[in-house]
Protein backbone atom coordinates (compact mmCIF):
# COMPACT_ATOMS: atom_id res chain seq x y z
CA UNK A 1 0.00 0.00 0.00
CA UNK A 2 1.35 3.41 -0.96
CA UNK A 3 0.33 6.73 0.49
CA UNK A 4 0.59 10.16 -1.08
CA UNK A 5 0.43 12.05 2.23
CA UNK A 6 0.10 11.57 5.98
CA UNK A 7 -2.32 13.56 8.14
CA UNK A 8 -1.80 13.89 11.89
CA UNK A 9 -4.68 15.12 14.07
CA UNK A 10 -4.09 17.16 17.23
CA UNK A 11 -6.88 17.98 19.68
CA UNK A 12 -6.69 21.71 20.43
CA UNK A 13 -8.05 21.15 23.94
CA UNK A 14 -5.14 18.86 24.84
CA UNK A 15 -1.95 20.32 26.26
CA UNK A 16 0.05 17.23 25.26
CA UNK A 17 1.24 16.70 21.67
CA UNK A 18 0.03 13.53 19.91
CA UNK A 19 3.29 12.91 18.08
CA UNK A 20 6.92 13.06 19.18
CA UNK A 21 9.31 15.74 17.90
CA UNK A 22 10.74 14.88 14.49
CA UNK A 23 7.94 12.43 13.70
CA UNK A 24 7.33 13.80 10.19
CA UNK A 25 11.01 13.58 9.25
CA UNK A 26 10.91 9.78 8.99
CA UNK A 27 8.58 9.89 5.97
CA UNK A 28 9.45 10.69 2.38
CA UNK A 29 5.98 12.08 1.65
CA UNK A 30 4.25 15.27 2.83
CA UNK A 31 2.95 15.26 6.41
CA UNK A 32 0.14 17.65 7.32
CA UNK A 33 -1.12 18.63 10.74
CA UNK A 34 -4.83 19.01 11.44
CA UNK A 35 -5.99 20.79 14.58
CA UNK A 36 -9.43 19.72 15.77
CA UNK A 37 -11.97 21.41 18.03
CA UNK A 38 -10.81 24.95 17.19
CA UNK A 39 -14.40 26.12 16.94
CA UNK A 40 -15.34 25.33 20.54
CA UNK A 41 -16.70 28.23 22.54
CA UNK A 42 -14.97 29.12 25.80
CA UNK A 43 -11.80 27.39 24.63
CA UNK A 44 -8.78 28.51 26.62
CA UNK A 45 -5.51 27.78 24.89
CA UNK A 46 -2.53 26.83 27.01
CA UNK A 47 0.88 26.54 25.39
CA UNK A 48 2.50 23.15 26.10
CA UNK A 49 5.34 23.37 28.59
CA UNK A 50 7.93 21.60 26.41
CA UNK A 51 7.72 24.05 23.50
C-alpha atoms as a PDB file:
ATOM      1  CA  UNK A   1       0.000   0.000   0.000  1.00  0.00           C
ATOM      2  CA  UNK A   2       1.354   3.405  -0.964  1.00  0.00           C
ATOM      3  CA  UNK A   3       0.328   6.732   0.491  1.00  0.00           C
ATOM      4  CA  UNK A   4       0.595  10.161  -1.081  1.00  0.00           C
ATOM      5  CA  UNK A   5       0.430  12.049   2.229  1.00  0.00           C
ATOM      6  CA  UNK A   6       0.101  11.573   5.979  1.00  0.00           C
ATOM      7  CA  UNK A   7      -2.315  13.563   8.137  1.00  0.00           C
ATOM      8  CA  UNK A   8      -1.799  13.894  11.887  1.00  0.00           C
ATOM      9  CA  UNK A   9      -4.683  15.115  14.067  1.00  0.00           C
ATOM     10  CA  UNK A  10      -4.093  17.164  17.232  1.00  0.00           C
ATOM     11  CA  UNK A  11      -6.881  17.980  19.677  1.00  0.00           C
ATOM     12  CA  UNK A  12      -6.689  21.715  20.432  1.00  0.00           C
ATOM     13  CA  UNK A  13      -8.045  21.150  23.944  1.00  0.00           C
ATOM     14  CA  UNK A  14      -5.144  18.855  24.844  1.00  0.00           C
ATOM     15  CA  UNK A  15      -1.947  20.320  26.263  1.00  0.00           C
ATOM     16  CA  UNK A  16       0.054  17.234  25.261  1.00  0.00           C
ATOM     17  CA  UNK A  17       1.236  16.695  21.674  1.00  0.00           C
ATOM     18  CA  UNK A  18       0.031  13.531  19.913  1.00  0.00           C
ATOM     19  CA  UNK A  19       3.289  12.909  18.076  1.00  0.00           C
ATOM     20  CA  UNK A  20       6.924  13.063  19.184  1.00  0.00           C
ATOM     21  CA  UNK A  21       9.313  15.741  17.901  1.00  0.00           C
ATOM     22  CA  UNK A  22      10.744  14.877  14.487  1.00  0.00           C
ATOM     23  CA  UNK A  23       7.937  12.426  13.697  1.00  0.00           C
ATOM     24  CA  UNK A  24       7.332  13.796  10.190  1.00  0.00           C
ATOM     25  CA  UNK A  25      11.006  13.584   9.248  1.00  0.00           C
ATOM     26  CA  UNK A  26      10.912   9.783   8.988  1.00  0.00           C
ATOM     27  CA  UNK A  27       8.577   9.889   5.973  1.00  0.00           C
ATOM     28  CA  UNK A  28       9.447  10.693   2.375  1.00  0.00           C
ATOM     29  CA  UNK A  29       5.980  12.077   1.654  1.00  0.00           C
ATOM     30  CA  UNK A  30       4.247  15.266   2.825  1.00  0.00           C
ATOM     31  CA  UNK A  31       2.952  15.261   6.407  1.00  0.00           C
ATOM     32  CA  UNK A  32       0.139  17.654   7.317  1.00  0.00           C
ATOM     33  CA  UNK A  33      -1.116  18.633  10.742  1.00  0.00           C
ATOM     34  CA  UNK A  34      -4.829  19.007  11.440  1.00  0.00           C
ATOM     35  CA  UNK A  35      -5.990  20.788  14.577  1.00  0.00           C
ATOM     36  CA  UNK A  36      -9.431  19.718  15.769  1.00  0.00           C
ATOM     37  CA  UNK A  37     -11.966  21.413  18.029  1.00  0.00           C
ATOM     38  CA  UNK A  38     -10.806  24.946  17.194  1.00  0.00           C
ATOM     39  CA  UNK A  39     -14.402  26.118  16.938  1.00  0.00           C
ATOM     40  CA  UNK A  40     -15.344  25.334  20.542  1.00  0.00           C
ATOM     41  CA  UNK A  41     -16.699  28.228  22.541  1.00  0.00           C
ATOM     42  CA  UNK A  42     -14.967  29.119  25.795  1.00  0.00           C
ATOM     43  CA  UNK A  43     -11.797  27.393  24.632  1.00  0.00           C
ATOM     44  CA  UNK A  44      -8.784  28.511  26.618  1.00  0.00           C
ATOM     45  CA  UNK A  45      -5.510  27.778  24.893  1.00  0.00           C
ATOM     46  CA  UNK A  46      -2.530  26.833  27.008  1.00  0.00           C
ATOM     47  CA  UNK A  47       0.884  26.544  25.387  1.00  0.00           C
ATOM     48  CA  UNK A  48       2.499  23.151  26.095  1.00  0.00           C
ATOM     49  CA  UNK A  49       5.344  23.374  28.593  1.00  0.00           C
ATOM     50  CA  UNK A  50       7.933  21.602  26.411  1.00  0.00           C
ATOM     51  CA  UNK A  51       7.724  24.055  23.496  1.00  0.00           C
END
